[in-house]
Amino acid sequence: MSQLRRRMQNLLKPYKVRRRTYDAWLGDGNGNVIKDGKWMYARIRENVLIVFNNRVQPANNLPVTVGYDDISPNLLQVIGVRELGSITIDGNWDVGPHHETHEWGNADGGTDIVWVQLKQFLPLKVYLSSGLTIKIYGGYCYLGGWQYIVQQSLDMTSYVPASDALWAMVYIDGSGSVGVKEGSTKALNQLQRTDIPDSDPNTYPLAAIKMYAGQTTIKDGQFSSDIEDLRFAGFTSSGATGSLYQLALVESELDYALSRHIVG
C-alpha cells in the first residue's frame, strides 16, 4: 500500500496546486500600514484589505505580492516584495518585522539579543556637534521639580586650558539651565576618570569632557571619545539628586520589553 501511495504522489507532483497571488501595495492609502502586530493594510486596486505579514518591512506604498502559501492555505498574507518591471526596489525589504528576536526575555524570540549601550539612549545625551561645540539632546530631569531641557548647543572653546588637561563636567542646575564645572589641571597622560570633579548639590551631571591644551576638536567616536557619559552615575558624595529619577524616566523613552530590565 505504501508503495502505491508513493507512486501516486510521484504521478501527482507535476499537478501541484498553484496558490493564487495578487499584486498589491502596503498601506491603506492614508499613510497607515500596521493595523495590529503583524496584521497590515494592503491595497489591491481600490480595495483595502487586512493581510498577515512576517516577510517584508512594513513600509508604506511598498509594492508586494499577497496571497496564500502551502503552509497556511487559508491565510491571506504577504508573499514577498514585488519588482516593478525594470525598476529596482532598493533596500533589504525582504526582512519582516522581527523585534521579538532582539528582546531579552521575549518568549516568542530572544534568539538575537541587542545589548544596548548607555550612549545609545538619547534623552539628555551630550554629543559632538562639530569642532569644540557639543549638543545636548532634550529630555526631562527632576531637581526639586520637573525640568524639561530643550535640545541645545554649547561651545566649549573657553574651557580649553592654556596648558595640560582637565575634565569639564556638563550639568543641569535646579533652574533647568546647563552649566559647566572645571576640574583641576593635570598632565594629559596623567588625567584619570577619578579626576572628574564632584557635582554640586541640586545639580544633575550629564557628561565629563576631556579638554586639553591645543585641542581643536572633541573626539566622540565609537572607540575613542573625550566624552564620558554620567547620566546614570547615581548619587554623588556631594549630595546631587536626580539620577534615580532619570532612570525611571527611561521607562517612557524605551519599549517596555527592554526598559523593565533596566529600571527594575
Protein backbone atom coordinates (compact mmCIF):
# COMPACT_ATOMS: atom_id res chain seq x y z
CA MET A 1 0.00 0.00 0.00
CA SER A 2 2.82 2.41 0.91
CA GLN A 3 4.48 1.68 -2.44
CA LEU A 4 1.25 2.51 -4.29
CA ARG A 5 0.91 5.75 -2.30
CA ARG A 6 4.44 6.79 -3.26
CA ARG A 7 3.74 6.06 -6.92
CA MET A 8 0.58 8.17 -6.79
CA GLN A 9 2.45 11.04 -5.14
CA ASN A 10 5.11 10.95 -7.85
CA LEU A 11 2.45 10.95 -10.55
CA LEU A 12 0.68 13.96 -9.00
CA LYS A 13 3.82 16.09 -8.41
CA PRO A 14 3.58 17.92 -11.77
CA TYR A 15 -0.01 18.84 -10.91
CA LYS A 16 0.70 20.57 -7.61
CA VAL A 17 -1.96 23.15 -6.68
CA ARG A 18 -0.85 26.64 -7.63
CA ARG A 19 -1.80 29.17 -5.00
CA ARG A 20 -3.28 32.37 -6.37
CA THR A 21 -1.42 35.63 -5.72
CA TYR A 22 -2.32 39.29 -6.21
CA ASP A 23 -0.33 42.45 -6.89
CA ALA A 24 -0.76 44.87 -4.01
CA TRP A 25 0.66 47.89 -2.19
CA LEU A 26 1.20 48.08 1.55
CA GLY A 27 -0.83 50.71 3.38
CA ASP A 28 -4.42 51.88 3.38
CA GLY A 29 -3.78 54.87 1.11
CA ASN A 30 -3.76 57.30 4.05
CA GLY A 31 -0.28 56.52 5.37
CA ASN A 32 -1.35 53.75 7.76
CA VAL A 33 0.42 50.41 7.36
CA ILE A 34 0.24 48.44 10.62
CA LYS A 35 -3.21 47.58 11.95
CA ASP A 36 -2.24 45.35 14.85
CA GLY A 37 1.01 43.48 15.40
CA LYS A 38 1.78 41.61 12.19
CA TRP A 39 -1.54 42.42 10.56
CA MET A 40 -1.14 45.08 7.87
CA TYR A 41 -3.25 47.11 5.49
CA ALA A 42 -2.76 46.36 1.81
CA ARG A 43 -4.40 47.75 -1.32
CA ILE A 44 -5.41 45.62 -4.28
CA ARG A 45 -6.64 48.05 -6.92
CA GLU A 46 -9.05 50.25 -4.96
CA ASN A 47 -9.79 47.70 -2.24
CA VAL A 48 -8.17 47.94 1.21
CA LEU A 49 -7.62 44.55 2.84
CA ILE A 50 -6.03 43.33 6.06
CA VAL A 51 -3.27 40.79 5.49
CA PHE A 52 -0.76 38.96 7.66
CA ASN A 53 2.89 39.92 7.21
CA ASN A 54 6.04 38.37 8.63
CA ARG A 55 8.13 38.51 5.47
CA VAL A 56 8.75 42.15 4.48
CA GLN A 57 9.30 45.55 6.06
CA PRO A 58 6.02 47.37 6.88
CA ALA A 59 6.79 50.31 4.57
CA ASN A 60 4.04 52.50 3.20
CA ASN A 61 3.38 52.01 -0.54
CA LEU A 62 5.84 49.11 -0.77
CA PRO A 63 4.86 47.00 -3.82
CA VAL A 64 4.17 43.46 -2.65
CA THR A 65 2.55 40.22 -3.68
CA VAL A 66 -0.18 38.88 -1.40
CA GLY A 67 -1.85 35.51 -1.49
CA TYR A 68 -1.74 32.06 0.11
CA ASP A 69 1.05 29.55 0.64
CA ASP A 70 1.13 25.79 1.18
CA ILE A 71 1.77 26.06 4.91
CA SER A 72 -1.25 28.29 5.61
CA PRO A 73 -3.54 27.87 2.60
CA ASN A 74 -6.38 29.78 4.27
CA LEU A 75 -4.35 32.77 5.49
CA LEU A 76 -4.19 35.81 3.22
CA GLN A 77 -0.66 37.10 3.70
CA VAL A 78 2.25 38.99 2.14
CA ILE A 79 4.27 36.60 -0.01
CA GLY A 80 7.12 38.95 -0.86
CA VAL A 81 8.30 42.21 -2.44
CA ARG A 82 7.09 42.79 -6.00
CA GLU A 83 9.50 44.11 -8.59
CA LEU A 84 8.11 46.76 -10.92
CA GLY A 85 9.45 45.84 -14.33
CA SER A 86 12.90 47.38 -14.76
CA ILE A 87 12.58 49.42 -11.55
CA THR A 88 14.76 48.09 -8.75
CA ILE A 89 13.46 48.32 -5.18
CA ASP A 90 16.46 49.49 -3.16
CA GLY A 91 17.00 48.29 0.39
CA ASN A 92 16.59 45.00 2.23
CA TRP A 93 12.79 44.92 2.23
CA ASP A 94 12.57 41.13 2.35
CA VAL A 95 13.08 41.09 6.12
CA GLY A 96 9.82 41.16 8.01
CA PRO A 97 9.11 42.64 11.46
CA HIS A 98 11.14 40.61 13.94
CA HIS A 99 11.68 42.71 17.07
CA GLU A 100 10.91 39.65 19.23
CA THR A 101 14.24 38.06 18.25
CA HIS A 102 16.15 41.05 19.67
CA GLU A 103 14.31 41.33 23.01
CA TRP A 104 15.66 39.84 26.21
CA GLY A 105 13.16 37.54 27.87
CA ASN A 106 10.68 37.52 24.98
CA ALA A 107 9.04 34.09 24.95
CA ASP A 108 8.45 34.40 21.20
CA GLY A 109 12.07 35.21 20.37
CA GLY A 110 15.11 36.26 22.34
CA THR A 111 17.48 34.48 19.94
CA ASP A 112 19.41 37.54 18.72
CA ILE A 113 19.62 39.90 21.71
CA VAL A 114 20.58 43.53 21.13
CA TRP A 115 22.72 44.66 24.05
CA VAL A 116 22.18 48.41 24.38
CA GLN A 117 24.95 50.77 25.46
CA LEU A 118 24.28 53.91 27.51
CA LYS A 119 25.33 56.22 24.68
CA GLN A 120 22.51 54.85 22.53
CA PHE A 121 19.94 56.43 24.88
CA LEU A 122 19.11 59.88 23.51
CA PRO A 123 17.40 61.81 26.38
CA LEU A 124 19.89 64.37 27.78
CA LYS A 125 22.75 62.85 25.83
CA VAL A 126 25.85 65.02 25.33
CA TYR A 127 27.45 64.51 21.93
CA LEU A 128 29.69 66.28 19.44
CA SER A 129 28.23 68.86 17.08
CA SER A 130 31.47 69.96 15.40
CA GLY A 131 34.90 71.15 16.47
CA LEU A 132 34.66 72.21 20.13
CA THR A 133 30.88 72.57 20.14
CA ILE A 134 28.72 69.94 21.80
CA LYS A 135 24.99 69.31 21.66
CA ILE A 136 22.69 68.30 24.48
CA TYR A 137 19.66 66.25 23.48
CA GLY A 138 16.38 67.32 25.04
CA GLY A 139 14.75 65.47 27.90
CA TYR A 140 13.26 65.58 31.41
CA CYS A 141 15.11 65.81 34.71
CA TYR A 142 13.90 66.04 38.31
CA LEU A 143 15.72 68.51 40.58
CA GLY A 144 13.31 69.60 43.28
CA GLY A 145 10.73 69.81 40.49
CA TRP A 146 10.32 68.64 36.93
CA GLN A 147 12.51 70.37 34.35
CA TYR A 148 12.41 69.89 30.60
CA ILE A 149 15.75 70.64 28.98
CA VAL A 150 15.40 71.70 25.36
CA GLN A 151 17.94 70.48 22.82
CA GLN A 152 20.78 72.99 22.67
CA SER A 153 24.39 73.58 21.67
CA LEU A 154 27.28 74.62 23.89
CA ASP A 155 30.64 75.99 22.72
CA MET A 156 33.44 74.53 24.88
CA THR A 157 36.25 76.66 23.42
CA SER A 158 36.65 78.73 26.59
CA TYR A 159 37.31 75.56 28.62
CA VAL A 160 40.43 74.56 26.67
CA PRO A 161 43.26 75.02 29.22
CA ALA A 162 46.36 77.00 28.38
CA SER A 163 48.46 74.00 29.43
CA ASP A 164 47.94 70.40 30.47
CA ALA A 165 44.41 68.92 30.62
CA LEU A 166 41.25 68.85 32.73
CA TRP A 167 37.73 67.45 32.90
CA ALA A 168 34.87 69.87 32.20
CA MET A 169 31.65 68.49 33.68
CA VAL A 170 28.42 69.48 31.93
CA TYR A 171 25.44 69.56 34.28
CA ILE A 172 21.89 70.83 34.79
CA ASP A 173 21.15 73.09 37.73
CA GLY A 174 17.95 73.47 39.76
CA SER A 175 16.55 76.07 37.36
CA GLY A 176 16.97 73.79 34.35
CA SER A 177 19.97 75.69 32.97
CA VAL A 178 23.06 73.95 31.59
CA GLY A 179 26.37 74.72 33.31
CA VAL A 180 29.98 73.59 33.22
CA LYS A 181 32.26 72.84 36.20
CA GLU A 182 36.00 72.57 35.60
CA GLY A 183 38.23 70.11 37.39
CA SER A 184 41.89 70.51 38.31
CA THR A 185 44.51 70.55 35.57
CA LYS A 186 46.92 67.68 35.18
CA ALA A 187 49.33 66.43 32.57
CA LEU A 188 47.25 64.84 29.80
CA ASN A 189 48.85 61.43 30.24
CA GLN A 190 48.06 61.51 33.97
CA LEU A 191 44.42 62.62 33.75
CA GLN A 192 42.16 59.84 35.07
CA ARG A 193 38.40 59.39 35.35
CA THR A 194 38.79 59.80 39.10
CA ASP A 195 39.78 63.42 38.37
CA ILE A 196 36.26 64.24 37.18
CA PRO A 197 35.01 66.96 39.59
CA ASP A 198 32.26 66.20 42.09
CA SER A 199 28.84 67.54 41.21
CA ASP A 200 27.36 70.26 43.39
CA PRO A 201 24.12 69.83 45.41
CA ASN A 202 20.90 70.17 43.40
CA THR A 203 22.65 69.58 40.10
CA TYR A 204 22.44 66.67 37.71
CA PRO A 205 25.64 65.69 35.86
CA LEU A 206 25.30 64.82 32.18
CA ALA A 207 28.86 64.25 30.97
CA ALA A 208 32.51 64.97 31.62
CA ILE A 209 34.52 66.20 28.65
CA LYS A 210 38.28 65.89 28.43
CA MET A 211 39.78 69.26 27.48
CA TYR A 212 43.50 69.76 26.81
CA ALA A 213 45.90 72.40 25.53
CA GLY A 214 45.97 72.75 21.75
CA GLN A 215 42.67 70.92 21.34
CA THR A 216 40.75 71.83 18.18
CA THR A 217 38.01 69.20 18.27
CA ILE A 218 36.30 66.99 20.83
CA LYS A 219 36.62 63.32 19.93
CA ASP A 220 33.35 61.45 20.04
CA GLY A 221 33.98 58.21 18.17
CA GLN A 222 32.78 54.72 18.97
CA PHE A 223 36.22 53.53 20.10
CA SER A 224 37.89 56.83 21.03
CA SER A 225 35.99 59.57 22.83
CA ASP A 226 36.71 62.60 25.02
CA ILE A 227 33.16 62.43 26.39
CA GLU A 228 32.33 60.34 29.48
CA ASP A 229 28.60 59.80 29.95
CA LEU A 230 27.48 60.47 33.54
CA ARG A 231 23.68 60.40 33.19
CA PHE A 232 23.19 57.10 35.05
CA ALA A 233 26.01 57.55 37.55
CA GLY A 234 23.66 57.70 40.56
CA PHE A 235 24.12 59.83 43.67
CA THR A 236 27.44 61.55 44.33
CA SER A 237 29.25 62.31 47.58
CA SER A 238 28.20 65.96 47.34
CA GLY A 239 24.53 65.04 47.54
CA ALA A 240 23.46 65.68 43.94
CA THR A 241 19.99 64.39 43.16
CA GLY A 242 18.15 63.40 40.06
CA SER A 243 19.87 60.33 38.68
CA LEU A 244 17.43 57.76 40.03
CA TYR A 245 14.54 59.81 38.71
CA GLN A 246 16.21 59.79 35.33
CA LEU A 247 16.35 56.02 35.45
CA ALA A 248 12.61 55.94 35.99
CA LEU A 249 12.09 58.24 33.02
CA VAL A 250 13.76 55.73 30.74
CA GLU A 251 10.52 53.76 31.04
CA SER A 252 8.73 56.31 28.86
CA GLU A 253 11.55 56.50 26.32
CA LEU A 254 12.12 52.80 25.63
CA ASP A 255 9.99 49.90 24.61
CA TYR A 256 8.61 48.29 27.79
CA ALA A 257 10.03 44.88 26.97
CA LEU A 258 13.53 46.36 27.19
CA SER A 259 13.14 49.04 29.85
CA ARG A 260 11.65 46.76 32.50
CA HIS A 261 15.04 45.06 32.73
CA ILE A 262 16.81 48.39 33.26
CA VAL A 263 14.52 50.18 35.67
CA GLY A 264 13.85 47.12 37.75
